[in-house]
Protein backbone atom coordinates (compact mmCIF):
# COMPACT_ATOMS: atom_id res chain seq x y z
CA MET A 1 155.65 145.81 234.15
CA ARG A 2 154.16 149.01 232.86
CA LYS A 3 152.12 149.25 229.65
CA PHE A 4 152.35 152.12 227.20
CA ASN A 5 150.65 152.89 223.90
CA VAL A 6 153.14 154.20 221.34
CA THR A 7 152.43 155.43 217.81
CA VAL A 8 155.26 155.23 215.25
CA ASN A 9 154.68 156.46 211.69
CA GLY A 10 150.91 156.24 212.20
CA GLN A 11 151.02 152.64 213.48
CA ALA A 12 149.85 152.10 217.08
CA TYR A 13 151.72 149.66 219.33
CA GLU A 14 151.14 148.48 222.88
CA VAL A 15 154.48 148.15 224.69
CA GLU A 16 155.25 146.59 228.07
CA VAL A 17 158.30 147.98 229.88
CA GLU A 18 159.96 146.42 232.90
CA GLU A 19 162.38 148.37 235.09
CA VAL A 20 165.37 146.28 236.09
CA GLY A 21 168.00 147.84 238.36
CA GLY A 22 167.52 151.31 236.92
CA VAL A 23 167.73 150.02 233.34
CA GLN A 24 164.50 149.70 231.39
CA THR A 25 164.02 146.96 228.84
CA ALA A 26 161.12 146.58 226.46
CA ALA A 27 159.09 143.43 226.08
CA PRO A 28 158.27 142.18 222.57
CA VAL A 29 156.13 144.66 220.68
CA ARG A 30 152.80 143.64 219.25
CA ALA A 31 150.64 145.76 216.99
CA ALA A 32 147.61 147.21 218.72
CA ALA A 33 144.29 147.47 216.99
CA PRO A 34 144.43 150.74 215.02
CA VAL A 35 140.88 151.54 216.11
CA ALA A 36 142.14 154.12 218.63
CA ALA A 37 144.71 155.48 216.19
CA ALA A 38 142.21 156.18 213.41
CA PRO A 39 140.11 158.72 215.39
CA ALA A 40 143.33 160.35 216.64
CA ALA A 41 144.46 160.83 213.04
CA ALA A 42 141.12 162.36 212.07
CA PRO A 43 141.62 165.59 214.10
CA LYS A 44 144.98 166.12 212.38
CA ALA A 45 143.24 165.79 209.04
CA ALA A 46 140.60 168.21 210.28
CA ALA A 47 143.35 170.76 210.97
CA ALA A 48 144.20 170.94 207.26
CA PRO A 49 140.76 172.31 206.31
CA LYS A 50 141.24 174.89 209.06
CA ALA A 51 144.28 176.10 207.12
CA ALA A 52 142.33 175.98 203.83
CA PRO A 53 140.53 179.32 204.35
CA ALA A 54 143.91 181.02 204.84
CA ALA A 55 145.24 179.13 201.81
CA ALA A 56 142.23 180.41 199.89
CA GLY A 57 144.38 183.49 199.32
CA ALA A 58 145.08 183.20 195.63
CA GLY A 59 148.36 181.69 194.64
CA ASP A 60 150.57 178.64 194.73
CA PRO A 61 151.09 176.73 197.98
CA ILE A 62 154.50 176.62 199.63
CA LYS A 63 154.64 173.21 201.30
CA ALA A 64 156.80 171.70 204.04
CA PRO A 65 159.34 169.33 202.44
CA MET A 66 159.62 167.32 205.67
CA PRO A 67 157.97 167.08 209.10
CA GLY A 68 159.28 169.42 211.79
CA ASN A 69 158.64 172.47 213.96
CA ILE A 70 158.27 176.07 212.80
CA LEU A 71 161.07 178.03 214.50
CA ASP A 72 160.44 181.39 212.84
CA ILE A 73 158.28 183.06 210.22
CA LYS A 74 160.35 185.41 208.07
CA ALA A 75 157.58 186.81 205.83
CA LYS A 76 154.10 188.16 206.42
CA VAL A 77 150.99 188.46 204.27
CA GLY A 78 151.48 191.17 201.67
CA ASP A 79 155.30 190.94 201.61
CA LYS A 80 156.88 190.94 198.16
CA VAL A 81 159.51 188.21 198.00
CA LYS A 82 162.06 187.05 195.47
CA ASN A 83 162.81 183.50 194.37
CA GLY A 84 164.84 181.87 197.18
CA ASP A 85 163.89 184.30 199.97
CA ALA A 86 163.23 182.46 203.26
CA ILE A 87 159.53 182.35 204.12
CA VAL A 88 159.74 180.20 207.27
CA ILE A 89 162.45 178.40 209.22
CA LEU A 90 161.63 174.74 209.76
CA GLU A 91 163.52 172.71 212.37
CA ALA A 92 163.88 169.06 211.46
CA MET A 93 166.33 166.61 213.03
CA LYS A 94 167.93 169.45 215.03
CA MET A 95 168.74 171.38 211.86
CA GLU A 96 167.30 174.74 210.85
CA ASN A 97 165.99 174.62 207.29
CA PRO A 98 164.94 177.86 205.57
CA ILE A 99 161.91 177.18 203.37
CA PRO A 100 162.36 179.44 200.34
CA ALA A 101 159.91 181.18 198.05
CA PRO A 102 159.70 179.10 194.86
CA ARG A 103 159.46 182.23 192.71
CA ASP A 104 159.13 186.01 192.83
CA GLY A 105 155.74 187.12 194.09
CA THR A 106 153.60 188.36 196.97
CA ILE A 107 152.76 186.29 200.05
CA THR A 108 148.96 185.94 200.10
CA SER A 109 148.66 183.80 203.25
CA ILE A 110 150.70 182.26 206.06
CA THR A 111 148.98 179.11 207.35
CA VAL A 112 151.29 178.20 210.25
CA THR A 113 152.37 179.82 213.50
CA LYS A 114 155.70 179.96 215.28
CA GLY A 115 156.15 176.80 217.37
CA ALA A 116 153.68 174.74 215.30
CA THR A 117 154.45 171.16 214.34
CA VAL A 118 153.96 170.43 210.65
CA GLU A 119 153.84 167.31 208.52
CA ALA A 120 155.58 166.77 205.19
CA GLY A 121 153.47 168.29 202.42
CA GLN A 122 151.54 170.61 204.72
CA VAL A 123 150.89 174.06 203.25
CA LEU A 124 152.96 176.69 205.07
CA ALA A 125 152.05 179.73 202.95
CA THR A 126 150.75 180.77 199.55
CA ILE A 127 152.42 183.02 197.01
CA GLN A 128 150.98 184.84 194.02
C-alpha cells in the first residue's frame, strides 16, 4: 500500500493505492484535514495581488471564463484592439479558446505569461 495526498476542487484527500498484478486499485477515500490545504491555497491567493499592480493600468478587466493554460498571448500593452479580437489563447480540456476583447479599446496591461495556469475569473488583461 502506498499513500498519496490528492487535492480535488480544493478539497484534500488521503488515498491509499495498492498495486495488484500491474493494475492499481484505490482504497476507500477519506477526507483529510484541510489544515495542509488552507496554507497551500494562500499562496495562490497571494499571486492575485501580484497581478494587481499590472491590472492597475486603467480599464476594465478581461477575465478567464474557465481554468486552463495560456497557450499564446496575441496582444501586447498599448495595442489597439476591436471588439472580438483575440487577446490570449486559453487551453482548457484540450481545446484552444480565444479570449476576445469585450469592446474596442487599448490594452493597458497583460497580467499573465505564456504557459501560465489560470483559474476561472482570474484577470488576464485590462482594456481601456
